[in-house]
Amino acid sequence: MLQRVLALLLFAVATCCTGKSGLSQEQLAEYEKQINDWHAHRIEQVKSRDGWLNLLGLYWLEPGINTFGTGGSNKIVFPDSTVSEKAGYFLVVENRVEVHLNKIADARINGRAIQNEVVFNSDSTRQPLMENDRAAWTVIRRDGKFGVRVRDLTMKGLNSFHGVERFQINPAYRIEAKFQPSVGNTIDITNVIGQTTAQASPGTLSFKWQDEEYRLDVLEGGKSEYFIIIADETSGRETYAGGRYLYVSHEDPNGNIVLDFNKAYNPPCVFTPYATCPLPPRQNVLPFSIYAGEKNYNHELNAAE
């Protein structure tokens, strides 16, 4: 009961400071349904076979031969029961990674049994998924460094997952913003493993909150969206210390964009230690609290329950 009262107070404060939402009861109900549907789809993605709950490990490769298997003598020791004791080796040569298996049919790609295969090529936009009946693994690259990410196909991680808490949906956090394009601009993005890369930024968003103007640098997010990494005064308290993510649709012909913080969501790193999440750039750390979107999720605590 107390939590609901506090949520209503937060709603009242935000509405007071930013202006009423201007929505009728029917419009508010429809808006809440849209946000709830979006969040439900988001959770289904997290729980999916390609989501973040079934990760078992992330192993970094070195140039040359990297033996792997469940046996302790391998350079890379996979989790128990995922592959054979001495499964084979990964060969890293410049911008290419090959896998060489000791037995054919120990792994498949798209249902096809493999033994010797190129599994990372810098000319390819998507790397193949290797799998057997118990696990799946793929090669990733982060700033010139290659790694192997392993997934548990039995999906045991779902047993301890009970969803992600959110703040109450508040239309006051659905804000009209202006997009200001930039050509050839880049911003430095650092990830949780300490790598910093310059990434293309097509522009910035400017918006007002409590009569103050703020700006956010955006990244490319696909054909029709921009991607934003943010932090605010809730980061490290109610929300994840490493910030949250947000997608927005491209601007309309007048440069207007809807910035909806009710769709702010957690990075993969809240669900697993085997992700390489980008962190918010300093200019995207907002000096006020955003009581909207997803709250923090402690994967270690939830796994222990």
Protein backbone atom coordinates (compact mmCIF):
# COMPACT_ATOMS: atom_id res chain seq x y z
CA MET A 1 0.00 0.00 0.00
CA LEU A 2 2.79 2.40 0.94
CA GLN A 3 4.55 1.69 -2.36
CA ARG A 4 1.40 2.57 -4.31
CA VAL A 5 0.98 5.82 -2.37
CA LEU A 6 4.59 6.78 -3.09
CA ALA A 7 4.12 5.98 -6.77
CA LEU A 8 1.04 8.21 -6.91
CA LEU A 9 2.97 11.00 -5.21
CA LEU A 10 5.77 10.69 -7.77
CA PHE A 11 3.20 10.85 -10.54
CA ALA A 12 1.67 13.98 -9.03
CA VAL A 13 5.07 15.67 -8.64
CA ALA A 14 6.12 14.88 -12.18
CA THR A 15 2.81 16.06 -13.60
CA CYS A 16 3.04 19.25 -11.55
CA CYS A 17 6.54 20.03 -12.77
CA THR A 18 6.15 19.16 -16.43
CA GLY A 19 2.57 19.98 -17.17
CA LYS A 20 -0.42 17.65 -17.26
CA SER A 21 -0.34 14.85 -19.75
CA GLY A 22 -3.44 16.16 -21.51
CA LEU A 23 -4.69 12.61 -22.01
CA SER A 24 -8.28 11.51 -21.49
CA GLN A 25 -8.94 8.41 -19.42
CA GLU A 26 -9.39 6.40 -22.62
CA GLN A 27 -6.15 7.76 -24.09
CA LEU A 28 -4.28 7.07 -20.85
CA ALA A 29 -5.57 3.50 -20.79
CA GLU A 30 -4.48 3.00 -24.41
CA TYR A 31 -1.06 4.50 -23.69
CA GLU A 32 -0.55 2.22 -20.69
CA LYS A 33 -1.56 -0.77 -22.81
CA GLN A 34 1.02 0.17 -25.46
CA ILE A 35 3.79 0.41 -22.85
CA ASN A 36 2.73 -2.84 -21.18
CA ASP A 37 2.63 -4.65 -24.54
CA TRP A 38 6.07 -3.27 -25.39
CA HIS A 39 7.45 -4.45 -22.04
CA ALA A 40 5.89 -7.91 -22.39
CA HIS A 41 7.56 -8.31 -25.78
CA ARG A 42 10.84 -7.10 -24.28
CA ILE A 43 10.67 -9.73 -21.50
CA GLU A 44 9.92 -12.48 -24.02
CA GLN A 45 13.11 -11.49 -25.87
CA VAL A 46 15.12 -11.68 -22.62
CA LYS A 47 13.71 -15.18 -21.97
CA SER A 48 14.21 -16.40 -25.54
CA ARG A 49 16.81 -18.85 -26.81
CA ASP A 50 18.82 -15.86 -28.05
CA GLY A 51 18.21 -13.82 -24.90
CA TRP A 52 20.45 -13.22 -21.89
CA LEU A 53 19.26 -15.70 -19.27
CA ASN A 54 20.86 -18.82 -20.76
CA LEU A 55 24.46 -17.62 -21.03
CA LEU A 56 27.02 -19.95 -19.43
CA GLY A 57 30.30 -18.24 -20.21
CA LEU A 58 32.40 -15.86 -22.27
CA TYR A 59 35.95 -16.92 -23.11
CA TRP A 60 38.52 -14.68 -24.75
CA LEU A 61 40.69 -16.12 -27.51
CA GLU A 62 44.37 -15.48 -28.12
CA PRO A 63 46.13 -15.43 -31.50
CA GLY A 64 46.93 -18.93 -32.71
CA ILE A 65 45.55 -22.18 -31.34
CA ASN A 66 43.05 -22.20 -28.46
CA THR A 67 42.11 -25.74 -27.40
CA PHE A 68 38.65 -26.13 -25.87
CA GLY A 69 36.51 -28.74 -24.16
CA THR A 70 35.30 -29.63 -20.67
CA GLY A 71 38.67 -31.08 -19.63
CA GLY A 72 40.90 -28.99 -17.39
CA SER A 73 43.92 -29.33 -19.69
CA ASN A 74 42.30 -27.19 -22.39
CA LYS A 75 43.18 -23.53 -22.82
CA ILE A 76 39.44 -22.81 -22.77
CA VAL A 77 37.43 -24.96 -20.37
CA PHE A 78 33.75 -25.07 -21.31
CA PRO A 79 31.08 -25.71 -18.62
CA ASP A 80 30.36 -29.35 -17.74
CA SER A 81 28.18 -31.36 -20.11
CA THR A 82 28.30 -28.78 -22.91
CA VAL A 83 30.90 -30.45 -25.18
CA SER A 84 33.29 -33.39 -25.00
CA GLU A 85 36.40 -33.38 -22.80
CA LYS A 86 38.66 -32.52 -25.73
CA ALA A 87 36.36 -31.01 -28.33
CA GLY A 88 38.99 -29.39 -30.57
CA TYR A 89 40.47 -25.94 -31.00
CA PHE A 90 39.82 -22.44 -32.27
CA LEU A 91 42.44 -20.95 -34.58
CA VAL A 92 42.75 -17.16 -34.61
CA VAL A 93 44.60 -15.75 -37.60
CA GLU A 94 44.40 -11.97 -38.02
CA ASN A 95 40.69 -11.15 -38.61
CA ARG A 96 39.55 -14.74 -39.07
CA VAL A 97 38.58 -17.47 -36.58
CA GLU A 98 38.33 -21.15 -37.48
CA VAL A 99 37.02 -24.05 -35.43
CA HIS A 100 38.56 -27.50 -35.76
CA LEU A 101 36.70 -30.35 -34.04
CA ASN A 102 38.22 -33.68 -33.09
CA LYS A 103 35.07 -35.54 -34.14
CA ILE A 104 32.66 -34.72 -36.90
CA ALA A 105 29.08 -34.15 -35.72
CA ASP A 106 30.24 -32.80 -32.33
CA ALA A 107 28.69 -29.54 -33.50
CA ARG A 108 26.28 -28.30 -36.14
CA ILE A 109 25.70 -25.06 -38.00
CA ASN A 110 22.13 -24.66 -39.30
CA GLY A 111 21.63 -28.42 -38.83
CA ARG A 112 24.75 -29.31 -40.82
CA ALA A 113 27.44 -31.33 -39.05
CA ILE A 114 30.81 -29.58 -39.13
CA GLN A 115 34.42 -30.45 -38.38
CA ASN A 116 36.59 -27.66 -39.83
CA GLU A 117 34.87 -24.34 -40.41
CA VAL A 118 35.48 -20.59 -40.60
CA VAL A 119 33.30 -19.19 -37.78
CA PHE A 120 34.35 -15.56 -37.89
CA ASN A 121 35.09 -13.57 -41.00
CA SER A 122 35.47 -9.80 -40.93
CA ASP A 123 33.61 -9.59 -44.24
CA SER A 124 30.50 -11.25 -42.79
CA THR A 125 27.79 -9.25 -41.01
CA ARG A 126 26.61 -12.22 -38.92
CA GLN A 127 28.64 -15.04 -37.42
CA PRO A 128 27.35 -18.64 -37.47
CA LEU A 129 25.97 -20.32 -34.34
CA MET A 130 27.60 -23.64 -33.47
CA GLU A 131 25.49 -26.02 -31.43
CA ASN A 132 24.89 -29.56 -30.22
CA ASP A 133 21.99 -30.98 -28.23
CA ARG A 134 23.08 -29.27 -25.00
CA ALA A 135 24.75 -25.97 -25.81
CA ALA A 136 25.35 -23.34 -28.45
CA TRP A 137 28.30 -21.04 -28.92
CA THR A 138 29.39 -18.30 -31.25
CA VAL A 139 32.41 -16.08 -31.81
CA ILE A 140 32.14 -12.37 -31.03
CA ARG A 141 34.59 -9.53 -31.56
CA ARG A 142 34.98 -6.52 -29.30
CA ASP A 143 37.44 -3.86 -30.41
CA GLY A 144 39.75 -6.34 -32.14
CA LYS A 145 39.45 -8.93 -29.36
CA PHE A 146 37.78 -12.27 -30.11
CA GLY A 147 35.69 -14.26 -27.65
CA VAL A 148 33.45 -17.32 -27.55
CA ARG A 149 30.02 -16.91 -25.93
CA VAL A 150 28.35 -20.12 -24.73
CA ARG A 151 24.62 -20.71 -24.17
CA ASP A 152 22.73 -23.40 -22.30
CA LEU A 153 20.06 -24.83 -24.61
CA THR A 154 18.27 -26.48 -21.68
CA MET A 155 17.30 -22.93 -20.56
CA LYS A 156 17.85 -23.66 -16.85
CA GLY A 157 18.29 -19.94 -16.22
CA LEU A 158 14.55 -19.41 -16.64
CA ASN A 159 13.86 -21.18 -13.33
CA SER A 160 14.95 -18.18 -11.26
CA PHE A 161 13.59 -15.44 -13.52
CA HIS A 162 10.38 -13.76 -12.37
CA GLY A 163 10.38 -10.64 -14.51
CA VAL A 164 11.75 -7.13 -14.06
CA GLU A 165 10.27 -4.49 -11.79
CA ARG A 166 9.25 -1.17 -13.32
CA PHE A 167 8.26 2.26 -12.17
CA GLN A 168 4.59 3.09 -12.60
CA ILE A 169 3.84 4.17 -16.15
CA ASN A 170 3.84 7.96 -16.21
CA PRO A 171 2.97 9.91 -19.40
CA ALA A 172 4.83 12.92 -17.97
CA TYR A 173 8.02 11.09 -18.99
CA ARG A 174 6.89 10.95 -22.60
CA ILE A 175 8.64 14.08 -23.86
CA GLU A 176 8.76 15.92 -27.16
CA ALA A 177 12.37 16.37 -28.25
CA LYS A 178 14.14 18.05 -31.14
CA PHE A 179 16.71 16.24 -33.25
CA GLN A 180 19.80 18.15 -34.34
CA PRO A 181 21.75 16.19 -36.96
CA SER A 182 25.51 16.12 -37.23
CA VAL A 183 27.64 14.82 -40.09
CA GLY A 184 30.75 12.73 -39.45
CA ASN A 185 30.48 13.10 -35.68
CA THR A 186 31.67 10.32 -33.35
CA ILE A 187 31.49 9.86 -29.59
CA ASP A 188 33.65 7.64 -27.39
CA ILE A 189 31.76 4.71 -25.87
CA THR A 190 33.35 2.58 -23.15
CA ASN A 191 32.05 -0.90 -22.33
CA VAL A 192 32.09 -2.83 -19.04
CA ILE A 193 35.35 -4.59 -19.88
CA GLY A 194 37.12 -1.26 -20.29
CA GLN A 195 37.32 -1.00 -24.08
CA THR A 196 36.67 2.43 -25.60
CA THR A 197 35.72 2.91 -29.22
CA ALA A 198 34.64 5.89 -31.27
CA GLN A 199 31.12 5.29 -32.59
CA ALA A 200 29.22 7.25 -35.18
CA SER A 201 26.68 9.66 -33.71
CA PRO A 202 24.15 11.01 -36.21
CA GLY A 203 23.10 13.84 -33.91
CA THR A 204 21.71 14.96 -30.56
CA LEU A 205 18.30 15.25 -28.93
CA SER A 206 17.37 18.39 -27.02
CA PHE A 207 14.44 18.41 -24.62
CA LYS A 208 13.11 20.26 -21.61
CA TRP A 209 12.52 18.94 -18.11
CA GLN A 210 11.28 21.20 -15.33
CA ASP A 211 11.98 24.21 -17.55
CA GLU A 212 15.64 23.25 -18.01
CA GLU A 213 17.03 22.16 -21.36
CA TYR A 214 19.10 18.98 -21.73
CA ARG A 215 20.83 17.19 -24.57
CA LEU A 216 21.52 13.54 -25.34
CA ASP A 217 23.91 12.15 -27.94
CA VAL A 218 22.38 9.33 -29.98
CA LEU A 219 23.88 6.36 -31.79
CA GLU A 220 22.70 4.53 -34.88
CA GLY A 221 19.97 2.09 -33.94
CA GLY A 222 18.85 0.61 -37.24
CA LYS A 223 16.89 1.71 -40.29
CA SER A 224 14.28 3.76 -38.47
CA GLU A 225 15.57 4.21 -34.90
CA TYR A 226 18.27 5.85 -32.82
CA PHE A 227 19.86 4.20 -29.80
CA ILE A 228 20.53 6.14 -26.59
CA ILE A 229 22.53 5.13 -23.51
CA ILE A 230 21.55 7.15 -20.45
CA ALA A 231 22.17 7.44 -16.73
CA ASP A 232 20.37 9.62 -14.18
CA GLU A 233 20.05 10.24 -10.46
CA THR A 234 18.40 6.82 -9.95
CA SER A 235 21.43 5.00 -11.41
CA GLY A 236 23.07 2.87 -8.75
CA ARG A 237 20.01 3.15 -6.52
CA GLU A 238 16.62 2.20 -7.95
CA THR A 239 18.14 1.46 -11.37
CA TYR A 240 21.27 -0.23 -12.66
CA ALA A 241 24.52 1.62 -11.92
CA GLY A 242 25.69 1.16 -15.51
CA GLY A 243 22.76 3.11 -16.94
CA ARG A 244 19.83 2.13 -19.12
CA TYR A 245 19.08 1.91 -22.83
CA LEU A 246 16.41 3.52 -24.96
CA TYR A 247 15.37 3.46 -28.62
CA VAL A 248 13.53 6.31 -30.32
CA SER A 249 12.03 6.51 -33.79
CA HIS A 250 13.64 8.79 -36.34
CA GLU A 251 12.56 12.40 -36.45
CA ASP A 252 9.57 13.64 -38.41
CA PRO A 253 10.02 16.23 -41.23
CA ASN A 254 10.11 19.01 -38.62
CA GLY A 255 12.84 17.36 -36.57
CA ASN A 256 10.51 16.23 -33.77
CA ILE A 257 11.11 13.01 -31.85
CA VAL A 258 9.15 11.40 -29.03
CA LEU A 259 11.50 10.55 -26.14
CA ASP A 260 9.65 8.08 -23.91
CA PHE A 261 11.53 7.21 -20.73
CA ASN A 262 8.81 4.68 -19.85
CA LYS A 263 10.66 2.48 -22.36
CA ALA A 264 14.05 2.83 -20.66
CA TYR A 265 15.32 -0.70 -20.12
CA ASN A 266 18.19 -2.57 -18.49
CA PRO A 267 21.39 -3.51 -20.31
CA PRO A 268 22.15 -7.24 -20.67
CA CYS A 269 24.74 -6.97 -17.88
CA VAL A 270 22.00 -6.95 -15.22
CA PHE A 271 21.06 -10.49 -16.30
CA THR A 272 24.48 -12.03 -16.84
CA PRO A 273 28.19 -11.42 -16.21
CA TYR A 274 28.92 -12.64 -19.74
CA ALA A 275 27.78 -9.54 -21.62
CA THR A 276 29.92 -6.62 -22.80
CA CYS A 277 27.52 -3.72 -22.29
CA PRO A 278 28.36 -0.20 -23.49
CA LEU A 279 28.16 2.41 -20.74
CA PRO A 280 26.60 5.89 -20.98
CA PRO A 281 28.95 8.61 -22.19
CA ARG A 282 29.49 11.39 -19.67
CA GLN A 283 27.34 13.85 -21.63
CA ASN A 284 24.36 11.45 -21.36
CA VAL A 285 24.36 11.38 -17.55
CA LEU A 286 21.29 13.43 -16.62
CA PRO A 287 21.31 15.43 -13.35
CA PHE A 288 17.77 14.47 -12.32
CA SER A 289 15.86 11.30 -11.45
CA ILE A 290 13.92 9.43 -14.10
CA TYR A 291 11.23 7.51 -12.23
CA ALA A 292 10.17 5.62 -15.34
CA GLY A 293 11.09 2.44 -17.14
CA GLU A 294 12.80 -0.64 -15.72
CA LYS A 295 14.28 -0.85 -12.24
CA ASN A 296 17.45 -2.75 -11.43
CA TYR A 297 17.58 -6.56 -11.59
CA ASN A 298 20.11 -8.50 -9.52
CA HIS A 299 20.89 -11.71 -11.43
CA GLU A 300 23.09 -13.08 -8.63
CA LEU A 301 20.40 -12.55 -5.99
CA ASN A 302 17.69 -14.02 -8.19
CA ALA A 303 19.83 -17.04 -9.09
CA ALA A 304 20.33 -17.74 -5.39
CA GLU A 305 16.63 -17.73 -4.55
